[in-house]
C-alpha atoms as a PDB file:
ATOM      1  CA  MET A   1      62.878 128.648 127.227  1.00  0.00           C
ATOM      2  CA  SER A   2      59.482 130.619 127.562  1.00  0.00           C
ATOM      3  CA  LEU A   3      58.715 131.984 131.055  1.00  0.00           C
ATOM      4  CA  TYR A   4      55.456 129.584 131.326  1.00  0.00           C
ATOM      5  CA  ALA A   5      57.871 126.733 130.377  1.00  0.00           C
ATOM      6  CA  ALA A   6      60.450 127.483 133.368  1.00  0.00           C
ATOM      7  CA  LEU A   7      57.547 127.878 135.801  1.00  0.00           C
ATOM      8  CA  ARG A   8      55.046 125.037 134.554  1.00  0.00           C
ATOM      9  CA  PRO A   9      56.810 122.474 137.122  1.00  0.00           C
ATOM     10  CA  LEU A  10      55.793 124.582 139.677  1.00  0.00           C
ATOM     11  CA  VAL A  11      52.514 124.828 138.355  1.00  0.00           C
ATOM     12  CA  PHE A  12      52.307 121.271 138.050  1.00  0.00           C
ATOM     13  CA  THR A  13      53.012 120.780 141.701  1.00  0.00           C
ATOM     14  CA  LEU A  14      49.225 122.356 142.205  1.00  0.00           C
ATOM     15  CA  GLU A  15      46.254 120.024 141.809  1.00  0.00           C
ATOM     16  CA  ALA A  16      44.869 120.630 138.476  1.00  0.00           C
ATOM     17  CA  GLU A  17      41.412 122.374 139.582  1.00  0.00           C
ATOM     18  CA  ARG A  18      43.420 124.591 142.277  1.00  0.00           C
ATOM     19  CA  ALA A  19      45.647 125.631 139.455  1.00  0.00           C
ATOM     20  CA  HIS A  20      42.839 126.368 137.269  1.00  0.00           C
ATOM     21  CA  ARG A  21      41.046 128.795 139.890  1.00  0.00           C
ATOM     22  CA  ALA A  22      44.461 130.486 140.550  1.00  0.00           C
ATOM     23  CA  THR A  23      44.884 130.907 136.979  1.00  0.00           C
ATOM     24  CA  ILE A  24      41.335 132.790 136.824  1.00  0.00           C
ATOM     25  CA  ARG A  25      42.252 134.717 140.048  1.00  0.00           C
ATOM     26  CA  ALA A  26      45.250 136.023 138.222  1.00  0.00           C
ATOM     27  CA  LEU A  27      43.408 136.974 135.075  1.00  0.00           C
ATOM     28  CA  ARG A  28      41.001 139.027 137.149  1.00  0.00           C
ATOM     29  CA  LEU A  29      43.657 140.548 138.864  1.00  0.00           C
ATOM     30  CA  ARG A  30      45.484 141.570 135.197  1.00  0.00           C
ATOM     31  CA  PRO A  31      45.184 145.316 134.425  1.00  0.00           C
ATOM     32  CA  ARG A  32      42.349 145.981 131.538  1.00  0.00           C
ATOM     33  CA  THR A  33      44.159 146.822 128.219  1.00  0.00           C
ATOM     34  CA  GLY A  34      43.187 147.479 124.927  1.00  0.00           C
ATOM     35  CA  LEU A  35      42.777 144.377 122.427  1.00  0.00           C
ATOM     36  CA  PRO A  36      45.907 143.489 120.835  1.00  0.00           C
ATOM     37  CA  ALA A  37      45.862 144.141 116.913  1.00  0.00           C
ATOM     38  CA  SER A  38      45.834 140.777 114.907  1.00  0.00           C
ATOM     39  CA  ASP A  39      47.227 140.670 111.259  1.00  0.00           C
ATOM     40  CA  PRO A  40      44.316 141.803 108.889  1.00  0.00           C
ATOM     41  CA  ARG A  41      45.212 138.461 107.073  1.00  0.00           C
ATOM     42  CA  LEU A  42      43.775 136.844 109.555  1.00  0.00           C
ATOM     43  CA  ALA A  43      40.500 138.269 109.779  1.00  0.00           C
ATOM     44  CA  ILE A  44      37.332 136.298 108.916  1.00  0.00           C
ATOM     45  CA  GLU A  45      33.573 136.501 108.666  1.00  0.00           C
ATOM     46  CA  VAL A  46      31.421 133.893 110.219  1.00  0.00           C
ATOM     47  CA  ALA A  47      27.831 133.880 110.744  1.00  0.00           C
ATOM     48  CA  GLY A  48      27.614 137.706 110.197  1.00  0.00           C
ATOM     49  CA  LEU A  49      30.640 138.514 112.719  1.00  0.00           C
ATOM     50  CA  ARG A  50      33.790 139.528 111.760  1.00  0.00           C
ATOM     51  CA  PHE A  51      36.733 137.862 113.705  1.00  0.00           C
ATOM     52  CA  PRO A  52      40.047 139.544 113.986  1.00  0.00           C
ATOM     53  CA  ASN A  53      41.565 136.055 114.128  1.00  0.00           C
ATOM     54  CA  PRO A  54      40.504 132.357 113.720  1.00  0.00           C
ATOM     55  CA  VAL A  55      41.991 131.573 117.103  1.00  0.00           C
ATOM     56  CA  GLY A  56      39.495 131.240 120.102  1.00  0.00           C
ATOM     57  CA  LEU A  57      39.425 129.754 123.337  1.00  0.00           C
ATOM     58  CA  ALA A  58      36.776 127.073 123.891  1.00  0.00           C
ATOM     59  CA  ALA A  59      34.096 126.936 126.770  1.00  0.00           C
ATOM     60  CA  GLY A  60      35.274 125.147 130.012  1.00  0.00           C
ATOM     61  CA  PHE A  61      38.100 127.356 130.689  1.00  0.00           C
ATOM     62  CA  ASP A  62      35.799 130.584 131.959  1.00  0.00           C
ATOM     63  CA  LYS A  63      32.856 128.868 132.980  1.00  0.00           C
ATOM     64  CA  ASP A  64      31.746 132.189 134.966  1.00  0.00           C
ATOM     65  CA  ALA A  65      32.142 134.620 132.297  1.00  0.00           C
ATOM     66  CA  GLN A  66      34.869 136.276 134.935  1.00  0.00           C
ATOM     67  CA  VAL A  67      37.432 136.998 132.609  1.00  0.00           C
ATOM     68  CA  PRO A  68      36.594 137.440 128.935  1.00  0.00           C
ATOM     69  CA  ASP A  69      38.787 140.549 128.134  1.00  0.00           C
ATOM     70  CA  ALA A  70      41.997 139.009 130.021  1.00  0.00           C
ATOM     71  CA  ILE A  71      41.434 136.127 127.451  1.00  0.00           C
ATOM     72  CA  LEU A  72      41.107 138.654 124.587  1.00  0.00           C
ATOM     73  CA  ALA A  73      43.858 140.612 125.311  1.00  0.00           C
ATOM     74  CA  LEU A  74      45.879 137.126 125.001  1.00  0.00           C
ATOM     75  CA  GLY A  75      45.508 137.389 121.614  1.00  0.00           C
ATOM     76  CA  PHE A  76      42.442 135.233 120.971  1.00  0.00           C
ATOM     77  CA  GLY A  77      40.057 136.050 118.239  1.00  0.00           C
ATOM     78  CA  PHE A  78      36.935 134.870 120.432  1.00  0.00           C
ATOM     79  CA  ALA A  79      36.252 133.918 123.872  1.00  0.00           C
ATOM     80  CA  GLU A  80      33.783 131.416 124.527  1.00  0.00           C
ATOM     81  CA  VAL A  81      32.518 131.479 128.100  1.00  0.00           C
ATOM     82  CA  GLY A  82      30.546 128.602 130.209  1.00  0.00           C
ATOM     83  CA  THR A  83      28.859 126.307 130.153  1.00  0.00           C
ATOM     84  CA  LEU A  84      26.301 128.030 132.154  1.00  0.00           C
ATOM     85  CA  THR A  85      23.031 126.379 133.315  1.00  0.00           C
ATOM     86  CA  PRO A  86      19.842 128.103 133.986  1.00  0.00           C
ATOM     87  CA  PHE A  87      20.673 127.381 137.738  1.00  0.00           C
ATOM     88  CA  PRO A  88      23.874 127.114 139.792  1.00  0.00           C
ATOM     89  CA  GLN A  89      25.394 123.744 140.033  1.00  0.00           C
ATOM     90  CA  PRO A  90      28.279 122.188 141.795  1.00  0.00           C
ATOM     91  CA  GLY A  91      29.245 119.597 139.289  1.00  0.00           C
ATOM     92  CA  ASN A  92      30.250 116.159 140.019  1.00  0.00           C
ATOM     93  CA  PRO A  93      32.571 115.220 143.175  1.00  0.00           C
ATOM     94  CA  ARG A  94      36.399 115.872 143.293  1.00  0.00           C
ATOM     95  CA  PRO A  95      38.745 115.116 141.942  1.00  0.00           C
ATOM     96  CA  ARG A  96      37.333 115.588 138.545  1.00  0.00           C
ATOM     97  CA  LEU A  97      40.188 117.006 136.788  1.00  0.00           C
ATOM     98  CA  PHE A  98      43.443 115.429 135.816  1.00  0.00           C
ATOM     99  CA  ARG A  99      46.601 116.437 133.561  1.00  0.00           C
ATOM    100  CA  LEU A 100      47.877 113.300 131.882  1.00  0.00           C
ATOM    101  CA  VAL A 101      51.271 114.836 131.518  1.00  0.00           C
ATOM    102  CA  GLU A 102      52.932 111.813 129.454  1.00  0.00           C
ATOM    103  CA  ASP A 103      50.313 112.770 127.001  1.00  0.00           C
ATOM    104  CA  ARG A 104      49.916 116.025 127.012  1.00  0.00           C
ATOM    105  CA  ALA A 105      46.134 115.627 127.604  1.00  0.00           C
ATOM    106  CA  VAL A 106      43.139 116.024 129.963  1.00  0.00           C
ATOM    107  CA  ILE A 107      40.637 114.042 131.518  1.00  0.00           C
ATOM    108  CA  ASN A 108      37.616 116.213 133.098  1.00  0.00           C
ATOM    109  CA  ARG A 109      34.436 115.039 134.558  1.00  0.00           C
ATOM    110  CA  MET A 110      33.517 118.401 135.693  1.00  0.00           C
ATOM    111  CA  GLY A 111      29.870 118.070 134.984  1.00  0.00           C
ATOM    112  CA  PHE A 112      28.527 121.584 133.949  1.00  0.00           C
ATOM    113  CA  ASN A 113      29.868 123.104 137.489  1.00  0.00           C
ATOM    114  CA  ASN A 114      28.882 126.928 137.229  1.00  0.00           C
ATOM    115  CA  GLY A 115      27.572 129.711 139.183  1.00  0.00           C
ATOM    116  CA  GLY A 116      24.243 129.893 137.103  1.00  0.00           C
ATOM    117  CA  GLN A 117      23.049 132.287 134.140  1.00  0.00           C
ATOM    118  CA  ALA A 118      21.941 135.036 136.380  1.00  0.00           C
ATOM    119  CA  ALA A 119      25.353 135.599 137.888  1.00  0.00           C
ATOM    120  CA  ALA A 120      27.198 135.451 134.641  1.00  0.00           C
ATOM    121  CA  LEU A 121      24.652 137.758 133.245  1.00  0.00           C
ATOM    122  CA  GLU A 122      25.380 140.690 135.307  1.00  0.00           C
ATOM    123  CA  ARG A 123      29.189 140.148 134.450  1.00  0.00           C
ATOM    124  CA  LEU A 124      28.364 140.263 130.789  1.00  0.00           C
ATOM    125  CA  LEU A 125      26.051 143.331 130.999  1.00  0.00           C
ATOM    126  CA  ARG A 126      28.916 145.098 132.723  1.00  0.00           C
ATOM    127  CA  ARG A 127      31.193 144.606 129.491  1.00  0.00           C
ATOM    128  CA  ASN A 128      28.411 144.765 127.034  1.00  0.00           C
ATOM    129  CA  ASP A 129      30.346 148.061 125.497  1.00  0.00           C
ATOM    130  CA  ARG A 130      33.542 146.784 125.374  1.00  0.00           C
ATOM    131  CA  PRO A 131      35.132 145.308 121.784  1.00  0.00           C
ATOM    132  CA  GLY A 132      35.864 141.739 121.321  1.00  0.00           C
ATOM    133  CA  ILE A 133      33.577 138.951 120.507  1.00  0.00           C
ATOM    134  CA  VAL A 134      32.757 136.723 123.538  1.00  0.00           C
ATOM    135  CA  GLY A 135      30.035 133.860 122.689  1.00  0.00           C
ATOM    136  CA  VAL A 136      27.941 132.079 125.736  1.00  0.00           C
ATOM    137  CA  ASN A 137      27.950 128.255 125.970  1.00  0.00           C
ATOM    138  CA  ILE A 138      24.544 127.048 127.606  1.00  0.00           C
ATOM    139  CA  GLY A 139      23.526 123.681 128.890  1.00  0.00           C
ATOM    140  CA  ALA A 140      20.865 121.862 130.713  1.00  0.00           C
ATOM    141  CA  ASN A 141      20.894 121.369 134.787  1.00  0.00           C
ATOM    142  CA  LYS A 142      21.099 117.910 135.730  1.00  0.00           C
ATOM    143  CA  ASP A 143      18.672 117.536 137.249  1.00  0.00           C
ATOM    144  CA  ALA A 144      16.367 119.461 134.828  1.00  0.00           C
ATOM    145  CA  VAL A 145      12.906 117.781 134.499  1.00  0.00           C
ATOM    146  CA  ASP A 146      13.052 119.142 130.950  1.00  0.00           C
ATOM    147  CA  ARG A 147      16.318 119.363 129.240  1.00  0.00           C
ATOM    148  CA  ILE A 148      14.965 121.271 126.102  1.00  0.00           C
ATOM    149  CA  ALA A 149      13.108 123.845 128.246  1.00  0.00           C
ATOM    150  CA  ASP A 150      16.725 124.424 130.026  1.00  0.00           C
ATOM    151  CA  TYR A 151      18.043 125.300 126.622  1.00  0.00           C
ATOM    152  CA  ALA A 152      15.209 127.300 125.416  1.00  0.00           C
ATOM    153  CA  ASN A 153      15.670 129.716 128.594  1.00  0.00           C
ATOM    154  CA  GLY A 154      19.283 130.069 128.247  1.00  0.00           C
ATOM    155  CA  VAL A 155      18.657 131.489 124.677  1.00  0.00           C
ATOM    156  CA  ARG A 156      16.228 133.676 126.082  1.00  0.00           C
ATOM    157  CA  VAL A 157      18.293 134.908 129.246  1.00  0.00           C
ATOM    158  CA  MET A 158      21.691 135.038 127.698  1.00  0.00           C
ATOM    159  CA  ALA A 159      21.035 136.509 123.937  1.00  0.00           C
ATOM    160  CA  GLY A 160      21.278 140.000 124.701  1.00  0.00           C
ATOM    161  CA  VAL A 161      25.010 139.901 125.863  1.00  0.00           C
ATOM    162  CA  ALA A 162      26.391 136.989 123.495  1.00  0.00           C
ATOM    163  CA  ARG A 163      27.950 137.867 120.032  1.00  0.00           C
ATOM    164  CA  TYR A 164      27.127 134.144 119.533  1.00  0.00           C
ATOM    165  CA  LEU A 165      25.241 131.301 121.559  1.00  0.00           C
ATOM    166  CA  THR A 166      26.446 127.738 121.598  1.00  0.00           C
ATOM    167  CA  VAL A 167      24.048 125.041 122.587  1.00  0.00           C
ATOM    168  CA  ASN A 168      26.259 122.224 124.205  1.00  0.00           C
ATOM    169  CA  ILE A 169      24.705 118.688 123.946  1.00  0.00           C
ATOM    170  CA  SER A 170      27.937 117.101 123.490  1.00  0.00           C
ATOM    171  CA  SER A 171      29.651 117.018 127.237  1.00  0.00           C
ATOM    172  CA  PRO A 172      29.961 113.235 128.176  1.00  0.00           C
ATOM    173  CA  ASN A 173      29.741 114.642 131.979  1.00  0.00           C
ATOM    174  CA  THR A 174      25.921 114.797 132.357  1.00  0.00           C
ATOM    175  CA  PRO A 175      24.065 111.560 132.124  1.00  0.00           C
ATOM    176  CA  GLY A 176      22.013 111.190 129.351  1.00  0.00           C
ATOM    177  CA  LEU A 177      22.706 114.724 127.627  1.00  0.00           C
ATOM    178  CA  ARG A 178      24.480 113.283 124.181  1.00  0.00           C
ATOM    179  CA  ALA A 179      20.951 111.810 123.691  1.00  0.00           C
ATOM    180  CA  LEU A 180      20.130 115.077 122.796  1.00  0.00           C
ATOM    181  CA  GLN A 181      22.160 114.577 119.235  1.00  0.00           C
ATOM    182  CA  ASP A 182      19.429 111.989 118.197  1.00  0.00           C
ATOM    183  CA  ARG A 183      17.399 112.801 115.493  1.00  0.00           C
ATOM    184  CA  GLY A 184      13.987 113.218 117.314  1.00  0.00           C
ATOM    185  CA  ALA A 185      15.515 114.953 120.411  1.00  0.00           C
ATOM    186  CA  LEU A 186      18.013 117.403 118.491  1.00  0.00           C
ATOM    187  CA  THR A 187      14.885 118.545 116.126  1.00  0.00           C
ATOM    188  CA  ALA A 188      12.714 119.059 119.009  1.00  0.00           C
ATOM    189  CA  LEU A 189      15.488 121.057 120.844  1.00  0.00           C
ATOM    190  CA  LEU A 190      16.376 123.110 117.703  1.00  0.00           C
ATOM    191  CA  ASP A 191      12.853 124.040 117.265  1.00  0.00           C
ATOM    192  CA  ALA A 192      12.658 125.461 120.930  1.00  0.00           C
ATOM    193  CA  VAL A 193      15.868 127.097 120.313  1.00  0.00           C
ATOM    194  CA  THR A 194      14.850 129.155 117.535  1.00  0.00           C
ATOM    195  CA  ALA A 195      11.486 129.962 118.632  1.00  0.00           C
ATOM    196  CA  ALA A 196      13.454 131.394 122.125  1.00  0.00           C
ATOM    197  CA  ARG A 197      15.777 133.277 120.124  1.00  0.00           C
ATOM    198  CA  PRO A 198      14.630 136.878 119.755  1.00  0.00           C
ATOM    199  CA  ALA A 199      14.451 138.594 116.309  1.00  0.00           C
ATOM    200  CA  GLY A 200      17.939 139.706 115.480  1.00  0.00           C
ATOM    201  CA  GLY A 201      19.438 137.696 118.027  1.00  0.00           C
ATOM    202  CA  PRO A 202      22.906 136.318 117.941  1.00  0.00           C
ATOM    203  CA  PRO A 203      23.855 133.400 116.117  1.00  0.00           C
ATOM    204  CA  VAL A 204      23.637 129.995 117.233  1.00  0.00           C
ATOM    205  CA  PHE A 205      26.233 127.303 116.894  1.00  0.00           C
ATOM    206  CA  LEU A 206      25.686 123.194 118.266  1.00  0.00           C
ATOM    207  CA  LYS A 207      28.646 121.612 119.466  1.00  0.00           C
ATOM    208  CA  VAL A 208      28.599 118.012 118.754  1.00  0.00           C
ATOM    209  CA  ALA A 209      30.539 115.075 120.337  1.00  0.00           C
ATOM    210  CA  PRO A 210      33.797 113.093 118.433  1.00  0.00           C
ATOM    211  CA  ASP A 211      31.773 109.799 119.182  1.00  0.00           C
ATOM    212  CA  LEU A 212      29.834 109.393 116.488  1.00  0.00           C
ATOM    213  CA  GLU A 213      28.286 107.245 114.094  1.00  0.00           C
ATOM    214  CA  PRO A 214      28.239 108.133 110.239  1.00  0.00           C
ATOM    215  CA  ALA A 215      24.412 108.259 110.355  1.00  0.00           C
ATOM    216  CA  ASP A 216      24.432 110.372 113.383  1.00  0.00           C
ATOM    217  CA  ILE A 217      26.440 112.854 111.142  1.00  0.00           C
ATOM    218  CA  ASP A 218      24.529 112.539 108.318  1.00  0.00           C
ATOM    219  CA  ASP A 219      21.332 113.155 110.407  1.00  0.00           C
ATOM    220  CA  ILE A 220      23.133 116.168 112.373  1.00  0.00           C
ATOM    221  CA  ALA A 221      24.047 117.575 109.353  1.00  0.00           C
ATOM    222  CA  GLU A 222      20.438 117.490 107.700  1.00  0.00           C
ATOM    223  CA  ILE A 223      18.922 118.713 110.848  1.00  0.00           C
ATOM    224  CA  ALA A 224      21.267 121.746 110.839  1.00  0.00           C
ATOM    225  CA  ALA A 225      20.746 122.621 107.459  1.00  0.00           C
ATOM    226  CA  ALA A 226      16.670 122.392 107.642  1.00  0.00           C
ATOM    227  CA  GLN A 227      17.295 124.346 110.929  1.00  0.00           C
ATOM    228  CA  ARG A 228      19.458 126.744 109.505  1.00  0.00           C
ATOM    229  CA  LEU A 229      21.918 126.765 112.107  1.00  0.00           C
ATOM    230  CA  ASP A 230      24.725 129.262 112.051  1.00  0.00           C
ATOM    231  CA  GLY A 231      27.616 126.828 112.818  1.00  0.00           C
ATOM    232  CA  LEU A 232      28.869 123.136 113.953  1.00  0.00           C
ATOM    233  CA  ILE A 233      31.287 123.025 116.762  1.00  0.00           C
ATOM    234  CA  VAL A 234      33.250 119.914 115.950  1.00  0.00           C
ATOM    235  CA  SER A 235      33.711 118.824 118.575  1.00  0.00           C
ATOM    236  CA  ASN A 236      33.975 118.064 122.245  1.00  0.00           C
ATOM    237  CA  THR A 237      36.062 115.389 124.318  1.00  0.00           C
ATOM    238  CA  THR A 238      35.582 111.936 123.827  1.00  0.00           C
ATOM    239  CA  ILE A 239      34.616 109.058 125.988  1.00  0.00           C
ATOM    240  CA  SER A 240      37.035 106.908 123.556  1.00  0.00           C
ATOM    241  CA  ARG A 241      40.342 105.568 125.018  1.00  0.00           C
ATOM    242  CA  PRO A 242      43.183 105.653 122.757  1.00  0.00           C
ATOM    243  CA  PRO A 243      46.635 104.084 123.973  1.00  0.00           C
ATOM    244  CA  LEU A 244      47.839 106.404 127.132  1.00  0.00           C
ATOM    245  CA  ARG A 245      50.873 106.505 129.248  1.00  0.00           C
ATOM    246  CA  SER A 246      49.395 108.395 132.002  1.00  0.00           C
ATOM    247  CA  ARG A 247      48.508 107.063 135.628  1.00  0.00           C
ATOM    248  CA  HIS A 248      45.546 108.434 135.285  1.00  0.00           C
ATOM    249  CA  ALA A 249      44.432 107.080 131.942  1.00  0.00           C
ATOM    250  CA  GLY A 250      42.003 104.786 133.521  1.00  0.00           C
ATOM    251  CA  GLU A 251      39.802 107.930 135.070  1.00  0.00           C
ATOM    252  CA  SER A 252      36.478 108.259 133.665  1.00  0.00           C
ATOM    253  CA  GLY A 253      35.364 111.413 131.701  1.00  0.00           C
ATOM    254  CA  GLY A 254      35.942 113.424 128.795  1.00  0.00           C
ATOM    255  CA  LEU A 255      39.744 113.114 127.315  1.00  0.00           C
ATOM    256  CA  SER A 256      40.937 116.264 125.512  1.00  0.00           C
ATOM    257  CA  GLY A 257      44.214 117.220 124.431  1.00  0.00           C
ATOM    258  CA  ALA A 258      47.339 115.780 122.011  1.00  0.00           C
ATOM    259  CA  PRO A 259      45.287 112.418 121.498  1.00  0.00           C
ATOM    260  CA  LEU A 260      41.681 113.873 120.545  1.00  0.00           C
ATOM    261  CA  ARG A 261      43.707 115.414 117.616  1.00  0.00           C
ATOM    262  CA  ASP A 262      43.204 112.832 114.731  1.00  0.00           C
ATOM    263  CA  LEU A 263      39.410 111.984 115.864  1.00  0.00           C
ATOM    264  CA  ALA A 264      38.569 115.590 116.167  1.00  0.00           C
ATOM    265  CA  GLN A 265      40.381 116.024 112.701  1.00  0.00           C
ATOM    266  CA  GLN A 266      38.163 113.096 111.027  1.00  0.00           C
ATOM    267  CA  ARG A 267      34.874 114.360 112.811  1.00  0.00           C
ATOM    268  CA  LEU A 268      35.525 117.688 111.249  1.00  0.00           C
ATOM    269  CA  VAL A 269      36.369 115.987 107.635  1.00  0.00           C
ATOM    270  CA  ASP A 270      33.137 114.111 108.146  1.00  0.00           C
ATOM    271  CA  PHE A 271      31.083 117.176 108.741  1.00  0.00           C
ATOM    272  CA  ARG A 272      32.255 118.963 105.817  1.00  0.00           C
ATOM    273  CA  LYS A 273      31.590 116.213 103.489  1.00  0.00           C
ATOM    274  CA  ALA A 274      28.134 115.587 105.178  1.00  0.00           C
ATOM    275  CA  THR A 275      27.375 119.376 105.036  1.00  0.00           C
ATOM    276  CA  GLY A 276      28.939 120.144 101.637  1.00  0.00           C
ATOM    277  CA  GLY A 277      30.467 123.168 103.031  1.00  0.00           C
ATOM    278  CA  ALA A 278      27.053 125.136 103.530  1.00  0.00           C
ATOM    279  CA  ILE A 279      27.537 125.449 107.258  1.00  0.00           C
ATOM    280  CA  PRO A 280      30.388 127.243 108.985  1.00  0.00           C
ATOM    281  CA  LEU A 281      32.564 124.729 111.155  1.00  0.00           C
ATOM    282  CA  ILE A 282      34.334 125.505 114.032  1.00  0.00           C
ATOM    283  CA  ALA A 283      37.460 123.255 115.055  1.00  0.00           C
ATOM    284  CA  ALA A 284      37.989 121.940 118.428  1.00  0.00           C
ATOM    285  CA  GLY A 285      39.746 119.114 119.943  1.00  0.00           C
ATOM    286  CA  GLY A 286      43.813 118.318 120.368  1.00  0.00           C
ATOM    287  CA  ILE A 287      44.799 121.500 118.836  1.00  0.00           C
ATOM    288  CA  ALA A 288      48.171 122.588 120.015  1.00  0.00           C
ATOM    289  CA  SER A 289      50.091 124.696 117.317  1.00  0.00           C
ATOM    290  CA  ALA A 290      49.710 126.752 114.036  1.00  0.00           C
ATOM    291  CA  ALA A 291      50.015 123.554 112.417  1.00  0.00           C
ATOM    292  CA  ASP A 292      47.073 121.769 113.907  1.00  0.00           C
ATOM    293  CA  ALA A 293      45.314 124.916 113.305  1.00  0.00           C
ATOM    294  CA  TYR A 294      46.077 125.384 109.601  1.00  0.00           C
ATOM    295  CA  ALA A 295      45.313 121.523 109.015  1.00  0.00           C
ATOM    296  CA  ARG A 296      41.754 122.029 110.050  1.00  0.00           C
ATOM    297  CA  ILE A 297      41.229 125.482 108.366  1.00  0.00           C
ATOM    298  CA  ARG A 298      42.577 123.623 105.157  1.00  0.00           C
ATOM    299  CA  ALA A 299      40.193 120.407 105.966  1.00  0.00           C
ATOM    300  CA  GLY A 300      37.408 123.101 106.079  1.00  0.00           C
ATOM    301  CA  ALA A 301      36.904 124.890 109.303  1.00  0.00           C
ATOM    302  CA  SER A 302      36.548 128.794 109.515  1.00  0.00           C
ATOM    303  CA  LEU A 303      37.510 129.046 113.052  1.00  0.00           C
ATOM    304  CA  VAL A 304      39.327 126.940 116.059  1.00  0.00           C
ATOM    305  CA  GLN A 305      39.131 126.758 119.293  1.00  0.00           C
ATOM    306  CA  LEU A 306      41.499 125.359 121.979  1.00  0.00           C
ATOM    307  CA  TYR A 307      41.773 124.797 125.630  1.00  0.00           C
ATOM    308  CA  SER A 308      44.016 121.864 126.949  1.00  0.00           C
ATOM    309  CA  ALA A 309      46.961 122.974 125.023  1.00  0.00           C
ATOM    310  CA  LEU A 310      46.873 125.976 127.345  1.00  0.00           C
ATOM    311  CA  VAL A 311      47.814 123.784 130.214  1.00  0.00           C
ATOM    312  CA  TYR A 312      51.015 122.497 128.600  1.00  0.00           C
ATOM    313  CA  GLU A 313      51.703 125.581 126.084  1.00  0.00           C
ATOM    314  CA  GLY A 314      50.805 128.520 128.432  1.00  0.00           C
ATOM    315  CA  PRO A 315      49.170 131.864 127.946  1.00  0.00           C
ATOM    316  CA  GLY A 316      51.154 132.890 124.668  1.00  0.00           C
ATOM    317  CA  LEU A 317      49.762 130.252 122.777  1.00  0.00           C
ATOM    318  CA  ALA A 318      47.348 132.052 120.655  1.00  0.00           C
ATOM    319  CA  ARG A 319      49.911 134.886 119.449  1.00  0.00           C
ATOM    320  CA  ARG A 320      52.511 131.861 118.359  1.00  0.00           C
ATOM    321  CA  ILE A 321      49.611 130.222 116.607  1.00  0.00           C
ATOM    322  CA  ASN A 322      48.570 133.464 114.952  1.00  0.00           C
ATOM    323  CA  ALA A 323      52.269 134.363 114.012  1.00  0.00           C
ATOM    324  CA  GLY A 324      52.272 130.752 112.582  1.00  0.00           C
ATOM    325  CA  LEU A 325      49.185 131.116 110.206  1.00  0.00           C
ATOM    326  CA  VAL A 326      50.560 134.117 108.922  1.00  0.00           C
ATOM    327  CA  GLU A 327      53.979 132.493 107.788  1.00  0.00           C
ATOM    328  CA  LEU A 328      51.664 129.737 106.364  1.00  0.00           C
ATOM    329  CA  LEU A 329      49.796 131.585 104.464  1.00  0.00           C
ATOM    330  CA  ASP A 330      52.709 133.570 102.862  1.00  0.00           C
ATOM    331  CA  ARG A 331      54.066 129.869 102.263  1.00  0.00           C
ATOM    332  CA  ASP A 332      51.154 128.649 100.502  1.00  0.00           C
ATOM    333  CA  GLY A 333      50.665 131.832  98.738  1.00  0.00           C
ATOM    334  CA  PHE A 334      46.714 132.385 100.116  1.00  0.00           C
ATOM    335  CA  ALA A 335      46.138 136.270 100.514  1.00  0.00           C
ATOM    336  CA  THR A 336      43.779 135.625 103.573  1.00  0.00           C
ATOM    337  CA  ILE A 337      42.943 132.959 106.104  1.00  0.00           C
ATOM    338  CA  ALA A 338      39.565 132.762 104.523  1.00  0.00           C
ATOM    339  CA  ASP A 339      41.092 131.803 101.357  1.00  0.00           C
ATOM    340  CA  ALA A 340      42.591 128.820 102.813  1.00  0.00           C
ATOM    341  CA  VAL A 341      39.115 127.171 104.281  1.00  0.00           C
ATOM    342  CA  GLY A 342      38.373 123.710 102.978  1.00  0.00           C
ATOM    343  CA  ARG A 343      41.552 124.059 100.505  1.00  0.00           C
ATOM    344  CA  GLY A 344      43.310 120.883 101.945  1.00  0.00           C
END
């Protein structure tokens, strides 16, 4: 039994959001160390960036860019901070984060709670000379009159400290936000984002929802190609509800964790087909093991992200997944992880 497995019952006596805040505080106190070495077979290039391994931490964990270096020290190949909005906002009323222990899942309705881009910018400027890929996930304030302007502003403000930028229009917890996935709104949004990105600026990824119809997928893929997006993150949390056992199953918000796995896998397959493999895909949703990550990679993902699985598997998860990926490459005769992408 791992140390975390032994401690988990104690951790779970804390309310979920309180436990998360305690985790961030603990990581802030962690002594700064160099980045752990990854097996060279796991290195992969995506959007001009060389990732030491394909396993990243998704946005939502380090909302205010407080601990990206501590995250990288856990063995993650990259860390995505945010979602960051132009101005600070408290998010939705508490309670707003729920563990569904019996389902190995999480429901959240956080509502982009964060301290704003200016505060995060200062933190990221202080680490700008350190190694490791740190991406910045940007969003719009809930009360923004012009949400597209909020995204354009986020690009301008954060471009200098982000190795890549993620445009997050897929959270279900900001009313009306997912409407930006509609064809006309998405075209206008990406026009504004492209105009705001400085010459030579970081790659831009778009994070999409799993709750899409086939026509939506085709539209997004077409627009992404036309706009020359650098990647698609597939996907965010879901508002759908497969059968769940937890007493929190009826809570509103986005569902993540194990119950999202099959839906997120299918959406990845759908986007791989719709894009014809022309746009890099980053898989997220329900990834909790090397087998899960490898299945997404074989289905077309160049990178994977996780978050909810950490709640149940603990801080050693990234290292375990990477070790397992090397074993799976050896089993199937692939020389590198890049060779396995789309070879399902």
